[in-house]
Amino acid sequence: MYRPLPEFLTISGSSIDGLGLVATSPLESNLVLGIGHIKDSRFENGYSRTPLGGFINHSDIPNCEIYEDGDFLKLRTIKKIEVGKELTLCYTLYKVKQ
C-alpha cells in the first residue's frame, strides 16, 4: 500500500500556516524522514515537492534540516521531536512570506 508519508508523521492544522507535518511518535535527532524534493528543471526552483516537502512549514528555529543526496533533497531531524509537535524547516529554496 502506498503511503505518501512515513507512518510516524501526519498532516494536521498548523499554528504556523495552513497545514503542517506533525509527529505521531517520538522522533530521535538525526532521523532521516525521506525525500522532500526531487530535482526536475520543469518545476519552479528546479525541484518537484513530495508530500513530505510540501507540508513542512518554515521556522527560524527549525527542528529539521534538508540535505542534498544526488537528485533528491532529503529531510532529517536535528532535534528530538515529541508526539504532537510540528516539524519545521528553515526554508532556503523559497522566499518566505513575511
C-alpha atoms as a PDB file:
ATOM      1  CA  MET A   1       0.000   0.000   0.000  1.00  0.00           C
ATOM      2  CA  TYR A   2       1.287   3.447  -0.951  1.00  0.00           C
ATOM      3  CA  ARG A   3       1.882   5.826   1.958  1.00  0.00           C
ATOM      4  CA  PRO A   4       2.795   9.396   0.993  1.00  0.00           C
ATOM      5  CA  LEU A   5       4.312   9.983   4.459  1.00  0.00           C
ATOM      6  CA  PRO A   6       6.255   7.841   6.920  1.00  0.00           C
ATOM      7  CA  GLU A   7       3.937   6.138   9.448  1.00  0.00           C
ATOM      8  CA  PHE A   8       5.274   8.352  12.265  1.00  0.00           C
ATOM      9  CA  LEU A   9       4.029  11.587  10.620  1.00  0.00           C
ATOM     10  CA  THR A  10       0.633  13.036   9.780  1.00  0.00           C
ATOM     11  CA  ILE A  11      -0.697  16.214   8.197  1.00  0.00           C
ATOM     12  CA  SER A  12      -2.648  18.415  10.585  1.00  0.00           C
ATOM     13  CA  GLY A  13      -3.627  22.032  11.197  1.00  0.00           C
ATOM     14  CA  SER A  14      -0.619  24.276  11.796  1.00  0.00           C
ATOM     15  CA  SER A  15      -0.197  27.253  14.103  1.00  0.00           C
ATOM     16  CA  ILE A  16       2.390  28.499  11.573  1.00  0.00           C
ATOM     17  CA  ASP A  17       0.446  28.372   8.291  1.00  0.00           C
ATOM     18  CA  GLY A  18      -2.375  26.203   6.962  1.00  0.00           C
ATOM     19  CA  LEU A  19      -1.417  22.547   7.311  1.00  0.00           C
ATOM     20  CA  GLY A  20       1.852  21.090   8.573  1.00  0.00           C
ATOM     21  CA  LEU A  21       3.667  17.852   9.380  1.00  0.00           C
ATOM     22  CA  VAL A  22       3.120  16.594  12.918  1.00  0.00           C
ATOM     23  CA  ALA A  23       4.870  13.752  14.758  1.00  0.00           C
ATOM     24  CA  THR A  24       2.636  10.829  15.763  1.00  0.00           C
ATOM     25  CA  SER A  25       5.546   9.071  17.527  1.00  0.00           C
ATOM     26  CA  PRO A  26       8.596  10.447  19.360  1.00  0.00           C
ATOM     27  CA  LEU A  27      11.359  11.183  16.840  1.00  0.00           C
ATOM     28  CA  GLU A  28      15.060  10.998  17.607  1.00  0.00           C
ATOM     29  CA  SER A  29      17.597  13.562  16.439  1.00  0.00           C
ATOM     30  CA  ASN A  30      19.321  12.764  13.105  1.00  0.00           C
ATOM     31  CA  LEU A  31      16.400  10.620  11.869  1.00  0.00           C
ATOM     32  CA  VAL A  32      16.129  10.596   8.063  1.00  0.00           C
ATOM     33  CA  LEU A  33      12.488  11.326   7.247  1.00  0.00           C
ATOM     34  CA  GLY A  34      12.643  10.764   3.490  1.00  0.00           C
ATOM     35  CA  ILE A  35      12.680  12.653   0.198  1.00  0.00           C
ATOM     36  CA  GLY A  36      11.232  16.152   0.310  1.00  0.00           C
ATOM     37  CA  HIS A  37      12.139  17.357  -3.192  1.00  0.00           C
ATOM     38  CA  ILE A  38      13.176  15.749  -6.475  1.00  0.00           C
ATOM     39  CA  LYS A  39      15.424  17.640  -8.878  1.00  0.00           C
ATOM     40  CA  ASP A  40      13.451  18.444 -12.039  1.00  0.00           C
ATOM     41  CA  SER A  41      14.111  21.551 -14.151  1.00  0.00           C
ATOM     42  CA  ARG A  42      10.490  21.628 -15.363  1.00  0.00           C
ATOM     43  CA  PHE A  43       9.340  22.900 -11.955  1.00  0.00           C
ATOM     44  CA  GLU A  44       9.733  26.247 -10.195  1.00  0.00           C
ATOM     45  CA  ASN A  45      13.112  26.470  -8.442  1.00  0.00           C
ATOM     46  CA  GLY A  46      14.195  23.282 -10.287  1.00  0.00           C
ATOM     47  CA  TYR A  47      12.525  20.854  -7.874  1.00  0.00           C
ATOM     48  CA  SER A  48       9.252  18.971  -7.510  1.00  0.00           C
ATOM     49  CA  ARG A  49       7.988  18.611  -3.938  1.00  0.00           C
ATOM     50  CA  THR A  50       6.771  15.370  -2.416  1.00  0.00           C
ATOM     51  CA  PRO A  51       4.041  15.397   0.286  1.00  0.00           C
ATOM     52  CA  LEU A  52       6.867  15.426   2.834  1.00  0.00           C
ATOM     53  CA  GLY A  53       8.392  18.559   1.286  1.00  0.00           C
ATOM     54  CA  GLY A  54       5.066  20.175   0.528  1.00  0.00           C
ATOM     55  CA  PHE A  55       3.679  20.220   4.062  1.00  0.00           C
ATOM     56  CA  ILE A  56       6.703  21.128   6.181  1.00  0.00           C
ATOM     57  CA  ASN A  57       6.472  24.742   7.335  1.00  0.00           C
ATOM     58  CA  HIS A  58       9.191  27.343   7.808  1.00  0.00           C
ATOM     59  CA  SER A  59      10.678  28.303  11.157  1.00  0.00           C
ATOM     60  CA  ASP A  60      13.654  30.466  12.053  1.00  0.00           C
ATOM     61  CA  ILE A  61      14.312  27.879  14.791  1.00  0.00           C
ATOM     62  CA  PRO A  62      13.705  24.616  12.891  1.00  0.00           C
ATOM     63  CA  ASN A  63      13.753  21.070  14.233  1.00  0.00           C
ATOM     64  CA  CYS A  64      14.626  19.565  10.817  1.00  0.00           C
ATOM     65  CA  GLU A  65      17.082  20.247   8.010  1.00  0.00           C
ATOM     66  CA  ILE A  66      17.281  19.477   4.326  1.00  0.00           C
ATOM     67  CA  TYR A  67      20.333  17.943   2.669  1.00  0.00           C
ATOM     68  CA  GLU A  68      21.268  17.018  -0.885  1.00  0.00           C
ATOM     69  CA  ASP A  69      21.535  13.354  -1.879  1.00  0.00           C
ATOM     70  CA  GLY A  70      22.053  13.067  -5.641  1.00  0.00           C
ATOM     71  CA  ASP A  71      18.899  14.286  -7.399  1.00  0.00           C
ATOM     72  CA  PHE A  72      16.991  14.394  -4.123  1.00  0.00           C
ATOM     73  CA  LEU A  73      16.682  16.798  -1.219  1.00  0.00           C
ATOM     74  CA  LYS A  74      16.072  14.718   1.887  1.00  0.00           C
ATOM     75  CA  LEU A  75      14.807  15.779   5.291  1.00  0.00           C
ATOM     76  CA  ARG A  76      16.150  14.762   8.684  1.00  0.00           C
ATOM     77  CA  THR A  77      15.514  15.803  12.253  1.00  0.00           C
ATOM     78  CA  ILE A  78      18.120  17.919  14.036  1.00  0.00           C
ATOM     79  CA  LYS A  79      16.454  17.711  17.457  1.00  0.00           C
ATOM     80  CA  LYS A  80      14.299  15.234  19.333  1.00  0.00           C
ATOM     81  CA  ILE A  81      10.644  15.862  18.467  1.00  0.00           C
ATOM     82  CA  GLU A  82       7.791  14.965  20.811  1.00  0.00           C
ATOM     83  CA  VAL A  83       4.446  13.474  19.787  1.00  0.00           C
ATOM     84  CA  GLY A  84       2.084  16.206  18.585  1.00  0.00           C
ATOM     85  CA  LYS A  85       4.842  18.689  17.731  1.00  0.00           C
ATOM     86  CA  GLU A  86       5.042  20.208  14.250  1.00  0.00           C
ATOM     87  CA  LEU A  87       8.122  19.552  12.140  1.00  0.00           C
ATOM     88  CA  THR A  88       9.744  22.680  10.739  1.00  0.00           C
ATOM     89  CA  LEU A  89      12.492  23.649   8.344  1.00  0.00           C
ATOM     90  CA  CYS A  90      14.371  26.882   7.660  1.00  0.00           C
ATOM     91  CA  TYR A  91      13.440  27.467   4.010  1.00  0.00           C
ATOM     92  CA  THR A  92      16.289  28.063   1.601  1.00  0.00           C
ATOM     93  CA  LEU A  93      14.631  27.217  -1.753  1.00  0.00           C
ATOM     94  CA  TYR A  94      11.659  29.559  -1.473  1.00  0.00           C
ATOM     95  CA  LYS A  95      11.059  33.101  -0.326  1.00  0.00           C
ATOM     96  CA  VAL A  96       9.213  33.161   2.978  1.00  0.00           C
ATOM     97  CA  LYS A  97       6.173  35.456   3.199  1.00  0.00           C
ATOM     98  CA  GLN A  98       6.654  37.973   5.982  1.00  0.00           C
END
